[in-house]
Amino acid sequence: RRDTDHWLRSNWIYRGEEASRVHVELQFTVRDCKSFPGGAGPLGCKETFNLYYYEADFDSATKTFPNWMENPWVKVDTIAADESFSQVDLGGRVMKINTEVRSFGPVSRSGFYLAFQDQGACMALLSLHLFYKKCAQLTVNLTRFPETVPRELVVPVAGSCVVDAVPAPGPSPSLYCREDGQWAEQPVTGCSCAPGFEAAEGNTKCRGESWSFPCDCCSSGGES
């Protein structure tokens, strides 16, 4: 049918204090429209579905709120299957499972709902995994960067000198934390070991330099 419009909504999901960009991993199956009797499938058959989210500070959704439509729901993407199963696969109990990952945000309210819109697909949603990413603490070139949760696609992060290191002349050291939880690869300068110290352990620490002093030995006994 051309007017097929089915929605599935999640429970209210608490965001937590850190999460800003949310990643969604979906596992699902979709039937090939050409595998239906007659070769063309039902009128309006599709092999895609839509993913939406809606932010809320508490569990406020009902059967009629928010309205089942884009705006107030925010569309994340139209999800297409890389693998679809046919009638032959179904008879042999062969399930071709698709895995897709999408992200959305930044989210700022206490929680959110997810919704899935089916407009004619013969599909099954098998699993849903929600997570967020963070850049781990990093020490590079005598500069320490704190653990950082990216709140945008790319976030600039200021670094600080390790113990016994001092800022070098020039711009303050910084790195970019990416949405995927990885630090952007770029040179980091801005700190050097203080006088009397040298870089050690892969340029992650400063340690006191080793000094050799001549031994001026004196006899403990008196003159005979």
N, C-alpha and C. Protein backbone atom coordinates (compact mmCIF):
# COMPACT_ATOMS: atom_id res chain seq x y z
N ARG A 1 0.84 -1.21 0.00
CA ARG A 1 0.00 0.00 0.00
C ARG A 1 0.87 1.24 0.00
N ARG A 2 0.39 2.27 -0.73
CA ARG A 2 1.15 3.50 -0.81
C ARG A 2 1.11 4.30 0.49
N ASP A 3 0.09 4.05 1.34
CA ASP A 3 -0.07 4.87 2.53
C ASP A 3 0.53 4.20 3.77
N THR A 4 1.39 3.18 3.57
CA THR A 4 2.01 2.51 4.70
C THR A 4 2.90 3.48 5.47
N ASP A 5 2.66 3.58 6.77
CA ASP A 5 3.45 4.48 7.60
C ASP A 5 3.42 3.97 9.03
N HIS A 6 4.37 3.08 9.36
CA HIS A 6 4.42 2.47 10.68
C HIS A 6 5.58 3.07 11.47
N TRP A 7 5.33 3.34 12.76
CA TRP A 7 6.36 3.90 13.63
C TRP A 7 6.58 2.99 14.83
N LEU A 8 7.83 2.91 15.25
CA LEU A 8 8.20 2.20 16.48
C LEU A 8 9.04 3.16 17.32
N ARG A 9 8.62 3.39 18.57
CA ARG A 9 9.32 4.33 19.43
C ARG A 9 9.97 3.60 20.60
N SER A 10 11.16 4.03 20.98
CA SER A 10 11.85 3.45 22.13
C SER A 10 11.29 4.02 23.43
N ASN A 11 11.68 3.44 24.54
CA ASN A 11 11.44 4.06 25.83
C ASN A 11 12.31 5.32 25.96
N TRP A 12 12.02 6.12 26.96
CA TRP A 12 12.84 7.30 27.22
C TRP A 12 14.23 6.85 27.67
N ILE A 13 15.26 7.42 27.08
CA ILE A 13 16.64 7.02 27.33
C ILE A 13 17.37 8.15 28.05
N TYR A 14 17.86 7.88 29.25
CA TYR A 14 18.59 8.88 30.01
C TYR A 14 19.94 9.15 29.34
N ARG A 15 20.26 10.43 29.16
CA ARG A 15 21.47 10.80 28.42
C ARG A 15 22.73 10.69 29.27
N GLY A 16 22.64 10.96 30.55
CA GLY A 16 23.84 11.01 31.39
C GLY A 16 24.46 12.39 31.33
N GLU A 17 25.50 12.58 32.12
CA GLU A 17 26.10 13.90 32.23
C GLU A 17 27.13 14.16 31.15
N GLU A 18 27.72 13.13 30.56
CA GLU A 18 28.80 13.33 29.60
C GLU A 18 28.36 13.28 28.14
N ALA A 19 27.46 12.38 27.82
CA ALA A 19 27.14 12.14 26.42
C ALA A 19 26.62 13.38 25.74
N SER A 20 27.15 13.65 24.57
CA SER A 20 26.71 14.79 23.77
C SER A 20 26.35 14.34 22.37
N ARG A 21 27.29 13.66 21.71
CA ARG A 21 26.98 13.03 20.42
C ARG A 21 26.74 11.55 20.69
N VAL A 22 25.61 11.06 20.25
CA VAL A 22 25.19 9.68 20.53
C VAL A 22 25.36 8.84 19.27
N HIS A 23 25.93 7.66 19.43
CA HIS A 23 26.11 6.72 18.32
C HIS A 23 25.10 5.58 18.47
N VAL A 24 24.53 5.17 17.36
CA VAL A 24 23.52 4.12 17.35
C VAL A 24 23.98 3.01 16.41
N GLU A 25 24.13 1.81 16.95
CA GLU A 25 24.45 0.65 16.12
C GLU A 25 23.19 -0.20 15.98
N LEU A 26 22.77 -0.42 14.75
CA LEU A 26 21.54 -1.17 14.47
C LEU A 26 21.88 -2.47 13.75
N GLN A 27 21.21 -3.54 14.13
CA GLN A 27 21.26 -4.78 13.38
C GLN A 27 19.85 -5.11 12.94
N PHE A 28 19.68 -5.41 11.65
CA PHE A 28 18.33 -5.61 11.12
C PHE A 28 18.39 -6.47 9.86
N THR A 29 17.23 -6.99 9.48
CA THR A 29 17.08 -7.72 8.23
C THR A 29 16.00 -7.04 7.39
N VAL A 30 16.14 -7.14 6.08
CA VAL A 30 15.15 -6.57 5.15
C VAL A 30 14.94 -7.57 4.01
N ARG A 31 13.69 -7.76 3.65
CA ARG A 31 13.39 -8.67 2.54
C ARG A 31 13.47 -7.94 1.21
N ASP A 32 14.06 -8.59 0.22
CA ASP A 32 14.17 -8.06 -1.14
C ASP A 32 12.77 -7.92 -1.73
N CYS A 33 12.42 -6.72 -2.18
CA CYS A 33 11.08 -6.51 -2.73
C CYS A 33 10.80 -7.39 -3.94
N LYS A 34 11.84 -7.72 -4.71
CA LYS A 34 11.65 -8.53 -5.91
C LYS A 34 11.38 -10.00 -5.58
N SER A 35 11.56 -10.38 -4.33
CA SER A 35 11.37 -11.78 -3.96
C SER A 35 9.91 -12.11 -3.62
N PHE A 36 9.04 -11.10 -3.59
CA PHE A 36 7.63 -11.35 -3.30
C PHE A 36 6.96 -12.04 -4.49
N PRO A 37 5.90 -12.81 -4.26
CA PRO A 37 5.18 -13.44 -5.38
C PRO A 37 4.76 -12.40 -6.41
N GLY A 38 4.99 -12.71 -7.66
CA GLY A 38 4.69 -11.77 -8.72
C GLY A 38 5.91 -11.00 -9.17
N GLY A 39 6.97 -11.03 -8.36
CA GLY A 39 8.23 -10.43 -8.78
C GLY A 39 8.41 -8.97 -8.44
N ALA A 40 7.32 -8.26 -8.17
CA ALA A 40 7.46 -6.82 -7.92
C ALA A 40 7.20 -6.47 -6.47
N GLY A 41 6.59 -7.38 -5.72
CA GLY A 41 6.31 -7.09 -4.33
C GLY A 41 5.09 -6.22 -4.18
N PRO A 42 4.66 -5.96 -2.95
CA PRO A 42 3.50 -5.11 -2.72
C PRO A 42 3.72 -3.71 -3.27
N LEU A 43 2.66 -3.05 -3.64
CA LEU A 43 2.74 -1.70 -4.16
C LEU A 43 3.35 -0.80 -3.09
N GLY A 44 4.40 -0.09 -3.44
CA GLY A 44 5.05 0.79 -2.48
C GLY A 44 6.09 0.09 -1.63
N CYS A 45 6.48 -1.13 -1.98
CA CYS A 45 7.48 -1.86 -1.20
C CYS A 45 8.80 -1.10 -1.18
N LYS A 46 9.42 -1.08 -0.02
CA LYS A 46 10.71 -0.41 0.12
C LYS A 46 11.69 -1.34 0.84
N GLU A 47 12.97 -0.99 0.75
CA GLU A 47 14.02 -1.73 1.45
C GLU A 47 14.80 -0.79 2.35
N THR A 48 14.16 0.27 2.79
CA THR A 48 14.77 1.25 3.68
C THR A 48 13.80 1.61 4.81
N PHE A 49 14.36 2.24 5.85
CA PHE A 49 13.53 2.80 6.92
C PHE A 49 14.23 4.05 7.45
N ASN A 50 13.49 4.87 8.20
CA ASN A 50 14.02 6.13 8.69
C ASN A 50 14.27 6.08 10.19
N LEU A 51 15.34 6.73 10.61
CA LEU A 51 15.70 6.82 12.02
C LEU A 51 15.56 8.26 12.49
N TYR A 52 14.87 8.45 13.64
CA TYR A 52 14.63 9.78 14.21
C TYR A 52 14.99 9.79 15.69
N TYR A 53 15.14 10.99 16.25
CA TYR A 53 15.25 11.13 17.70
C TYR A 53 14.48 12.36 18.15
N TYR A 54 14.11 12.35 19.43
CA TYR A 54 13.38 13.47 20.03
C TYR A 54 13.88 13.65 21.45
N GLU A 55 14.32 14.86 21.80
CA GLU A 55 14.85 15.14 23.13
C GLU A 55 13.74 15.52 24.11
N ALA A 56 13.90 15.09 25.37
CA ALA A 56 12.94 15.41 26.42
C ALA A 56 13.64 15.32 27.76
N ASP A 57 13.23 16.16 28.70
CA ASP A 57 13.85 16.17 30.03
C ASP A 57 13.30 15.08 30.93
N PHE A 58 12.17 14.47 30.56
CA PHE A 58 11.61 13.37 31.34
C PHE A 58 10.73 12.55 30.41
N ASP A 59 10.23 11.43 30.92
CA ASP A 59 9.43 10.51 30.11
C ASP A 59 8.04 11.10 29.91
N SER A 60 7.85 11.81 28.80
CA SER A 60 6.61 12.55 28.57
C SER A 60 5.83 12.06 27.36
N ALA A 61 6.32 11.07 26.64
CA ALA A 61 5.66 10.63 25.41
C ALA A 61 4.39 9.85 25.70
N THR A 62 3.41 9.99 24.81
CA THR A 62 2.16 9.24 24.88
C THR A 62 1.90 8.64 23.49
N LYS A 63 0.73 8.05 23.31
CA LYS A 63 0.40 7.47 22.01
C LYS A 63 0.25 8.54 20.94
N THR A 64 0.00 9.78 21.34
CA THR A 64 -0.21 10.84 20.36
C THR A 64 0.81 11.97 20.46
N PHE A 65 1.71 11.90 21.46
CA PHE A 65 2.72 12.96 21.61
C PHE A 65 4.08 12.31 21.83
N PRO A 66 5.12 12.80 21.14
CA PRO A 66 5.08 13.82 20.08
C PRO A 66 4.42 13.28 18.81
N ASN A 67 3.97 14.18 17.97
CA ASN A 67 3.28 13.78 16.74
C ASN A 67 4.18 12.87 15.91
N TRP A 68 3.56 11.89 15.27
CA TRP A 68 4.30 10.92 14.47
C TRP A 68 4.67 11.52 13.12
N MET A 69 5.67 12.40 13.13
CA MET A 69 6.08 13.06 11.89
C MET A 69 7.41 13.77 12.10
N GLU A 70 8.10 13.99 11.01
CA GLU A 70 9.33 14.77 11.10
C GLU A 70 8.98 16.19 11.51
N ASN A 71 9.70 16.71 12.51
CA ASN A 71 9.35 17.98 13.13
C ASN A 71 7.99 17.85 13.82
N PRO A 72 7.96 17.35 15.06
CA PRO A 72 9.01 17.50 16.06
C PRO A 72 10.14 16.47 16.08
N TRP A 73 9.97 15.31 15.47
CA TRP A 73 11.05 14.34 15.43
C TRP A 73 12.16 14.86 14.54
N VAL A 74 13.42 14.63 14.93
CA VAL A 74 14.57 15.06 14.14
C VAL A 74 15.10 13.84 13.39
N LYS A 75 15.17 13.96 12.08
CA LYS A 75 15.62 12.82 11.28
C LYS A 75 17.13 12.67 11.34
N VAL A 76 17.58 11.46 11.63
CA VAL A 76 19.01 11.16 11.63
C VAL A 76 19.45 10.72 10.24
N ASP A 77 18.73 9.76 9.66
CA ASP A 77 19.11 9.27 8.33
C ASP A 77 18.06 8.28 7.83
N THR A 78 18.10 8.03 6.53
CA THR A 78 17.37 6.91 5.93
C THR A 78 18.34 5.74 5.85
N ILE A 79 17.97 4.63 6.46
CA ILE A 79 18.86 3.46 6.56
C ILE A 79 18.51 2.47 5.46
N ALA A 80 19.51 2.11 4.67
CA ALA A 80 19.33 1.14 3.59
C ALA A 80 20.08 -0.14 3.92
N ALA A 81 19.57 -1.25 3.44
CA ALA A 81 20.20 -2.55 3.69
C ALA A 81 21.27 -2.83 2.64
N ASP A 82 22.43 -3.27 3.10
CA ASP A 82 23.46 -3.76 2.17
C ASP A 82 23.12 -5.16 1.69
N GLU A 83 22.45 -5.92 2.56
CA GLU A 83 22.08 -7.30 2.25
C GLU A 83 20.58 -7.47 2.50
N SER A 84 19.87 -8.01 1.53
CA SER A 84 18.45 -8.31 1.71
C SER A 84 18.23 -9.79 1.44
N PHE A 85 17.22 -10.36 2.12
CA PHE A 85 17.00 -11.78 1.94
C PHE A 85 15.82 -12.03 1.01
N SER A 86 15.84 -13.19 0.36
CA SER A 86 14.80 -13.56 -0.61
C SER A 86 13.94 -14.68 -0.04
N GLN A 87 12.95 -15.10 -0.82
CA GLN A 87 12.10 -16.20 -0.41
C GLN A 87 12.90 -17.49 -0.27
N VAL A 88 13.92 -17.65 -1.13
CA VAL A 88 14.78 -18.84 -1.06
C VAL A 88 15.54 -18.84 0.26
N ASP A 89 16.09 -17.66 0.63
CA ASP A 89 16.79 -17.56 1.91
C ASP A 89 15.86 -17.87 3.07
N LEU A 90 14.64 -17.37 2.98
CA LEU A 90 13.66 -17.58 4.04
C LEU A 90 13.36 -19.06 4.20
N GLY A 91 13.21 -19.77 3.07
CA GLY A 91 12.93 -21.20 3.13
C GLY A 91 14.08 -21.98 3.73
N GLY A 92 15.29 -21.53 3.46
CA GLY A 92 16.47 -22.20 4.01
C GLY A 92 16.88 -21.66 5.36
N ARG A 93 16.05 -20.78 5.92
CA ARG A 93 16.32 -20.16 7.21
C ARG A 93 17.67 -19.44 7.24
N VAL A 94 17.98 -18.78 6.12
CA VAL A 94 19.20 -17.99 6.02
C VAL A 94 18.84 -16.53 6.27
N MET A 95 19.40 -15.93 7.31
CA MET A 95 19.11 -14.54 7.63
C MET A 95 20.34 -13.68 7.32
N LYS A 96 20.17 -12.75 6.42
CA LYS A 96 21.25 -11.83 6.07
C LYS A 96 21.13 -10.59 6.94
N ILE A 97 22.01 -10.48 7.91
CA ILE A 97 21.92 -9.43 8.92
C ILE A 97 22.77 -8.23 8.52
N ASN A 98 22.17 -7.06 8.59
CA ASN A 98 22.86 -5.81 8.30
C ASN A 98 23.24 -5.12 9.60
N THR A 99 24.39 -4.49 9.62
CA THR A 99 24.81 -3.68 10.75
C THR A 99 25.15 -2.29 10.26
N GLU A 100 24.49 -1.29 10.80
CA GLU A 100 24.73 0.10 10.41
C GLU A 100 24.91 0.94 11.67
N VAL A 101 25.80 1.93 11.60
CA VAL A 101 26.05 2.84 12.71
C VAL A 101 25.78 4.26 12.25
N ARG A 102 25.01 4.99 13.05
CA ARG A 102 24.74 6.41 12.78
C ARG A 102 24.97 7.19 14.07
N SER A 103 25.18 8.49 13.94
CA SER A 103 25.35 9.33 15.12
C SER A 103 24.51 10.58 14.98
N PHE A 104 24.17 11.18 16.12
CA PHE A 104 23.40 12.42 16.09
C PHE A 104 23.77 13.26 17.30
N GLY A 105 23.42 14.52 17.26
CA GLY A 105 23.70 15.44 18.35
C GLY A 105 24.29 16.74 17.82
N PRO A 106 24.72 17.63 18.71
CA PRO A 106 24.78 17.39 20.15
C PRO A 106 23.40 17.39 20.81
N VAL A 107 23.23 16.52 21.79
CA VAL A 107 22.01 16.49 22.59
C VAL A 107 22.30 17.19 23.92
N SER A 108 21.32 17.91 24.43
CA SER A 108 21.56 18.73 25.62
C SER A 108 20.55 18.50 26.74
N ARG A 109 19.41 17.89 26.43
CA ARG A 109 18.40 17.68 27.47
C ARG A 109 18.68 16.37 28.22
N SER A 110 17.90 16.09 29.24
CA SER A 110 18.20 14.97 30.14
C SER A 110 18.14 13.62 29.45
N GLY A 111 17.34 13.50 28.39
CA GLY A 111 17.22 12.23 27.71
C GLY A 111 16.60 12.41 26.34
N PHE A 112 16.28 11.28 25.71
CA PHE A 112 15.74 11.33 24.35
C PHE A 112 15.02 10.02 24.04
N TYR A 113 14.25 10.05 22.99
CA TYR A 113 13.61 8.86 22.41
C TYR A 113 14.20 8.62 21.03
N LEU A 114 14.20 7.38 20.61
CA LEU A 114 14.48 7.02 19.22
C LEU A 114 13.20 6.53 18.59
N ALA A 115 13.07 6.75 17.28
CA ALA A 115 11.89 6.25 16.57
C ALA A 115 12.33 5.72 15.21
N PHE A 116 11.63 4.68 14.76
CA PHE A 116 11.91 4.05 13.48
C PHE A 116 10.64 4.11 12.65
N GLN A 117 10.77 4.64 11.45
CA GLN A 117 9.61 4.79 10.56
C GLN A 117 9.75 3.82 9.39
N ASP A 118 8.75 2.96 9.25
CA ASP A 118 8.70 1.98 8.16
C ASP A 118 7.60 2.40 7.20
N GLN A 119 7.98 2.65 5.96
CA GLN A 119 7.01 3.08 4.95
C GLN A 119 6.83 2.05 3.85
N GLY A 120 6.93 0.79 4.23
CA GLY A 120 6.67 -0.26 3.24
C GLY A 120 7.71 -1.35 3.19
N ALA A 121 8.64 -1.39 4.13
CA ALA A 121 9.67 -2.43 4.13
C ALA A 121 9.20 -3.64 4.92
N CYS A 122 9.60 -4.82 4.46
CA CYS A 122 9.40 -6.05 5.22
C CYS A 122 10.70 -6.27 5.97
N MET A 123 10.76 -5.88 7.22
CA MET A 123 12.02 -5.84 7.95
C MET A 123 11.84 -6.30 9.39
N ALA A 124 12.96 -6.59 10.03
CA ALA A 124 12.97 -6.92 11.45
C ALA A 124 14.17 -6.22 12.07
N LEU A 125 13.93 -5.47 13.14
CA LEU A 125 14.99 -4.83 13.89
C LEU A 125 15.45 -5.80 14.97
N LEU A 126 16.71 -6.24 14.89
CA LEU A 126 17.20 -7.31 15.76
C LEU A 126 17.86 -6.79 17.03
N SER A 127 18.62 -5.73 16.92
CA SER A 127 19.30 -5.21 18.11
C SER A 127 19.59 -3.74 17.95
N LEU A 128 19.75 -3.08 19.09
CA LEU A 128 20.01 -1.64 19.14
C LEU A 128 21.05 -1.41 20.23
N HIS A 129 22.15 -0.78 19.86
CA HIS A 129 23.24 -0.51 20.81
C HIS A 129 23.54 0.98 20.78
N LEU A 130 23.40 1.65 21.93
CA LEU A 130 23.67 3.08 22.05
C LEU A 130 24.95 3.30 22.82
N PHE A 131 25.77 4.24 22.38
CA PHE A 131 27.01 4.53 23.09
C PHE A 131 27.51 5.92 22.70
N TYR A 132 28.46 6.43 23.48
CA TYR A 132 29.15 7.66 23.11
C TYR A 132 30.64 7.42 23.25
N LYS A 133 31.45 8.28 22.65
CA LYS A 133 32.89 8.08 22.62
C LYS A 133 33.60 9.24 23.29
N LYS A 134 34.83 8.96 23.73
CA LYS A 134 35.65 10.00 24.33
C LYS A 134 37.10 9.78 23.92
N CYS A 135 37.85 10.88 23.84
CA CYS A 135 39.28 10.80 23.58
C CYS A 135 39.98 10.54 24.91
N ALA A 136 40.79 9.47 24.98
CA ALA A 136 41.46 9.11 26.21
C ALA A 136 42.56 10.12 26.54
N GLN A 137 42.92 10.19 27.81
CA GLN A 137 44.01 11.07 28.22
C GLN A 137 45.26 10.72 27.41
N LEU A 138 45.98 11.74 26.98
CA LEU A 138 47.12 11.54 26.11
C LEU A 138 48.27 12.44 26.55
N THR A 139 49.49 11.88 26.57
CA THR A 139 50.69 12.67 26.82
C THR A 139 51.60 12.53 25.62
N VAL A 140 51.93 13.64 24.99
CA VAL A 140 52.77 13.64 23.80
C VAL A 140 53.61 14.90 23.80
N ASN A 141 54.90 14.75 23.45
CA ASN A 141 55.81 15.89 23.39
C ASN A 141 55.75 16.75 24.66
N LEU A 142 55.82 16.07 25.81
CA LEU A 142 55.86 16.73 27.13
C LEU A 142 54.60 17.53 27.42
N THR A 143 53.51 17.19 26.76
CA THR A 143 52.24 17.89 26.93
C THR A 143 51.14 16.89 27.24
N ARG A 144 50.37 17.18 28.27
CA ARG A 144 49.28 16.28 28.68
C ARG A 144 47.94 16.87 28.24
N PHE A 145 47.14 16.01 27.60
CA PHE A 145 45.79 16.40 27.18
C PHE A 145 44.78 15.57 27.97
N PRO A 146 43.79 16.19 28.57
CA PRO A 146 42.85 15.46 29.43
C PRO A 146 41.87 14.61 28.62
N GLU A 147 41.30 13.62 29.31
CA GLU A 147 40.21 12.85 28.70
C GLU A 147 39.09 13.82 28.30
N THR A 148 38.61 13.67 27.07
CA THR A 148 37.68 14.66 26.52
C THR A 148 36.53 13.96 25.80
N VAL A 149 35.31 14.41 26.09
CA VAL A 149 34.13 13.94 25.37
C VAL A 149 33.84 14.94 24.26
N PRO A 150 33.91 14.53 22.99
CA PRO A 150 33.64 15.49 21.90
C PRO A 150 32.16 15.88 21.86
N ARG A 151 31.91 17.16 21.91
CA ARG A 151 30.53 17.66 21.86
C ARG A 151 30.18 18.20 20.48
N GLU A 152 31.15 18.14 19.58
CA GLU A 152 30.95 18.52 18.19
C GLU A 152 31.74 17.54 17.34
N LEU A 153 31.73 17.74 16.02
CA LEU A 153 32.48 16.84 15.14
C LEU A 153 33.96 16.88 15.46
N VAL A 154 34.49 18.08 15.75
CA VAL A 154 35.89 18.25 16.12
C VAL A 154 35.95 19.28 17.24
N VAL A 155 36.68 18.97 18.32
CA VAL A 155 36.75 19.86 19.48
C VAL A 155 38.21 20.20 19.77
N PRO A 156 38.59 21.50 19.80
CA PRO A 156 39.96 21.85 20.19
C PRO A 156 40.15 21.69 21.69
N VAL A 157 41.28 21.11 22.10
CA VAL A 157 41.56 20.85 23.50
C VAL A 157 42.93 21.43 23.85
N ALA A 158 42.98 22.26 24.88
CA ALA A 158 44.24 22.85 25.33
C ALA A 158 45.02 21.85 26.17
N GLY A 159 46.33 21.81 25.96
CA GLY A 159 47.18 20.92 26.73
C GLY A 159 47.92 21.66 27.83
N SER A 160 48.52 20.91 28.75
CA SER A 160 49.31 21.49 29.82
C SER A 160 50.64 20.74 29.92
N CYS A 161 51.69 21.43 30.34
CA CYS A 161 53.02 20.83 30.40
C CYS A 161 53.08 19.79 31.52
N VAL A 162 53.85 18.73 31.28
CA VAL A 162 54.04 17.71 32.31
C VAL A 162 54.91 18.29 33.42
N VAL A 163 55.05 17.56 34.51
CA VAL A 163 55.85 18.00 35.65
C VAL A 163 57.29 18.25 35.21
N ASP A 164 57.85 19.36 35.65
CA ASP A 164 59.23 19.77 35.37
C ASP A 164 59.42 20.19 33.92
N ALA A 165 58.32 20.48 33.22
CA ALA A 165 58.40 21.06 31.87
C ALA A 165 57.80 22.46 31.93
N VAL A 166 58.24 23.29 31.00
CA VAL A 166 57.78 24.68 30.97
C VAL A 166 57.29 25.01 29.57
N PRO A 167 56.36 25.96 29.44
CA PRO A 167 55.88 26.35 28.11
C PRO A 167 57.01 26.93 27.27
N ALA A 168 57.07 26.53 26.04
CA ALA A 168 58.04 27.09 25.10
C ALA A 168 57.44 28.33 24.46
N PRO A 169 58.27 29.21 23.92
CA PRO A 169 57.74 30.39 23.25
C PRO A 169 56.83 29.99 22.09
N GLY A 170 55.79 30.74 21.88
CA GLY A 170 54.87 30.47 20.79
C GLY A 170 53.48 30.13 21.28
N PRO A 171 52.61 29.68 20.38
CA PRO A 171 51.22 29.38 20.74
C PRO A 171 51.14 28.25 21.78
N SER A 172 50.12 28.30 22.59
CA SER A 172 49.89 27.24 23.57
C SER A 172 49.58 25.93 22.84
N PRO A 173 50.06 24.80 23.35
CA PRO A 173 49.82 23.52 22.68
C PRO A 173 48.35 23.13 22.70
N SER A 174 47.88 22.57 21.61
CA SER A 174 46.49 22.11 21.55
C SER A 174 46.38 20.96 20.56
N LEU A 175 45.35 20.14 20.75
CA LEU A 175 45.02 19.05 19.84
C LEU A 175 43.53 19.07 19.60
N TYR A 176 43.10 18.33 18.56
CA TYR A 176 41.68 18.24 18.26
C TYR A 176 41.17 16.84 18.58
N CYS A 177 40.10 16.80 19.39
CA CYS A 177 39.42 15.54 19.71
C CYS A 177 38.29 15.36 18.69
N ARG A 178 38.31 14.25 17.97
CA ARG A 178 37.33 14.02 16.92
C ARG A 178 36.10 13.28 17.45
N GLU A 179 35.06 13.34 16.69
CA GLU A 179 33.79 12.70 17.06
C GLU A 179 33.95 11.20 17.29
N ASP A 180 34.89 10.57 16.59
CA ASP A 180 35.07 9.12 16.72
C ASP A 180 35.90 8.73 17.94
N GLY A 181 36.22 9.71 18.81
CA GLY A 181 36.97 9.41 20.02
C GLY A 181 38.47 9.29 19.79
N GLN A 182 38.96 9.76 18.65
CA GLN A 182 40.39 9.72 18.35
C GLN A 182 40.95 11.14 18.30
N TRP A 183 42.19 11.27 18.75
CA TRP A 183 42.87 12.56 18.62
C TRP A 183 43.33 12.74 17.18
N ALA A 184 43.16 13.96 16.65
CA ALA A 184 43.63 14.24 15.30
C ALA A 184 45.15 14.18 15.27
N GLU A 185 45.69 13.60 14.22
CA GLU A 185 47.14 13.48 14.11
C GLU A 185 47.72 14.80 13.62
N GLN A 186 48.46 15.47 14.49
CA GLN A 186 49.12 16.71 14.13
C GLN A 186 50.26 16.94 15.10
N PRO A 187 51.32 17.66 14.66
CA PRO A 187 52.44 17.89 15.58
C PRO A 187 52.02 18.73 16.78
N VAL A 188 52.58 18.40 17.94
CA VAL A 188 52.29 19.15 19.16
C VAL A 188 53.60 19.74 19.68
N THR A 189 53.67 21.04 19.76
CA THR A 189 54.83 21.70 20.36
C THR A 189 54.33 22.68 21.40
N GLY A 190 55.19 23.12 22.25
CA GLY A 190 54.75 24.10 23.23
C GLY A 190 55.32 23.89 24.61
N CYS A 191 55.95 22.73 24.89
CA CYS A 191 56.55 22.48 26.20
C CYS A 191 57.96 21.91 26.01
N SER A 192 58.83 22.26 26.92
CA SER A 192 60.19 21.72 26.94
C SER A 192 60.59 21.55 28.40
N CYS A 193 61.55 20.65 28.64
CA CYS A 193 61.98 20.40 30.01
C CYS A 193 62.68 21.63 30.58
N ALA A 194 62.45 21.87 31.85
CA ALA A 194 63.08 23.00 32.54
C ALA A 194 64.58 22.76 32.65
N PRO A 195 65.37 23.82 32.85
CA PRO A 195 66.82 23.64 33.02
C PRO A 195 67.11 22.63 34.13
N GLY A 196 68.07 21.74 33.84
CA GLY A 196 68.41 20.69 34.79
C GLY A 196 67.63 19.41 34.60
N PHE A 197 66.75 19.38 33.62
CA PHE A 197 65.95 18.19 33.33
C PHE A 197 66.06 17.84 31.86
N GLU A 198 65.81 16.57 31.54
CA GLU A 198 65.85 16.11 30.15
C GLU A 198 64.63 15.24 29.87
N ALA A 199 64.24 15.21 28.59
CA ALA A 199 63.08 14.42 28.19
C ALA A 199 63.38 12.94 28.31
N ALA A 200 62.37 12.17 28.73
CA ALA A 200 62.54 10.73 28.90
C ALA A 200 61.24 10.00 28.59
N GLU A 201 61.34 8.67 28.48
CA GLU A 201 60.18 7.80 28.26
C GLU A 201 59.33 8.26 27.08
N GLY A 202 60.01 8.37 25.94
CA GLY A 202 59.29 8.72 24.73
C GLY A 202 58.75 10.13 24.72
N ASN A 203 59.49 11.04 25.34
CA ASN A 203 59.09 12.45 25.36
C ASN A 203 57.78 12.67 26.12
N THR A 204 57.57 11.84 27.15
CA THR A 204 56.35 12.00 27.97
C THR A 204 56.65 12.49 29.38
N LYS A 205 57.92 12.48 29.78
CA LYS A 205 58.30 12.92 31.12
C LYS A 205 59.60 13.71 31.07
N CYS A 206 59.83 14.49 32.11
CA CYS A 206 61.12 15.15 32.30
C CYS A 206 61.76 14.55 33.55
N ARG A 207 63.06 14.25 33.46
CA ARG A 207 63.77 13.72 34.63
C ARG A 207 65.07 14.50 34.80
N GLY A 208 65.57 14.49 36.03
CA GLY A 208 66.80 15.21 36.32
C GLY A 208 67.96 14.64 35.54
N GLU A 209 68.78 15.52 34.97
CA GLU A 209 69.93 15.07 34.21
C GLU A 209 70.94 14.41 35.14
N SER A 210 71.71 13.48 34.62
CA SER A 210 72.75 12.80 35.39
C SER A 210 74.04 13.61 35.29
N TRP A 211 74.56 14.03 36.42
CA TRP A 211 75.79 14.83 36.44
C TRP A 211 76.91 14.00 37.06
N SER A 212 78.11 14.10 36.50
CA SER A 212 79.29 13.41 37.03
C SER A 212 80.18 14.42 37.72
N PHE A 213 80.46 14.19 38.98
CA PHE A 213 81.32 15.10 39.74
C PHE A 213 82.64 14.38 40.01
N PRO A 214 83.81 15.07 39.84
CA PRO A 214 85.10 14.43 40.14
C PRO A 214 85.22 14.16 41.63
N CYS A 215 85.81 13.01 41.98
CA CYS A 215 85.94 12.63 43.38
C CYS A 215 87.28 13.15 43.92
N ASP A 216 87.18 13.98 44.90
CA ASP A 216 88.37 14.54 45.53
C ASP A 216 88.57 13.79 46.85
N CYS A 217 89.24 12.65 46.75
CA CYS A 217 89.35 11.77 47.92
C CYS A 217 90.35 12.33 48.93
N CYS A 218 89.96 12.23 50.15
CA CYS A 218 90.83 12.67 51.24
C CYS A 218 91.03 11.52 52.20
N SER A 219 92.25 11.35 52.68
CA SER A 219 92.51 10.28 53.62
C SER A 219 91.91 10.64 54.97
N SER A 220 91.29 9.63 55.59
CA SER A 220 90.65 9.86 56.88
C SER A 220 91.66 9.85 58.02
N GLY A 221 92.84 9.29 57.74
CA GLY A 221 93.83 9.20 58.82
C GLY A 221 94.72 10.44 58.88
N GLY A 222 95.35 10.71 59.99
CA GLY A 222 96.25 11.85 60.11
C GLY A 222 97.61 11.55 59.54
N GLU A 223 98.43 12.56 59.42
CA GLU A 223 99.77 12.38 58.93
C GLU A 223 100.60 11.62 59.97
N SER A 224 101.48 10.75 59.48
CA SER A 224 102.33 10.00 60.39
C SER A 224 103.57 10.82 60.76
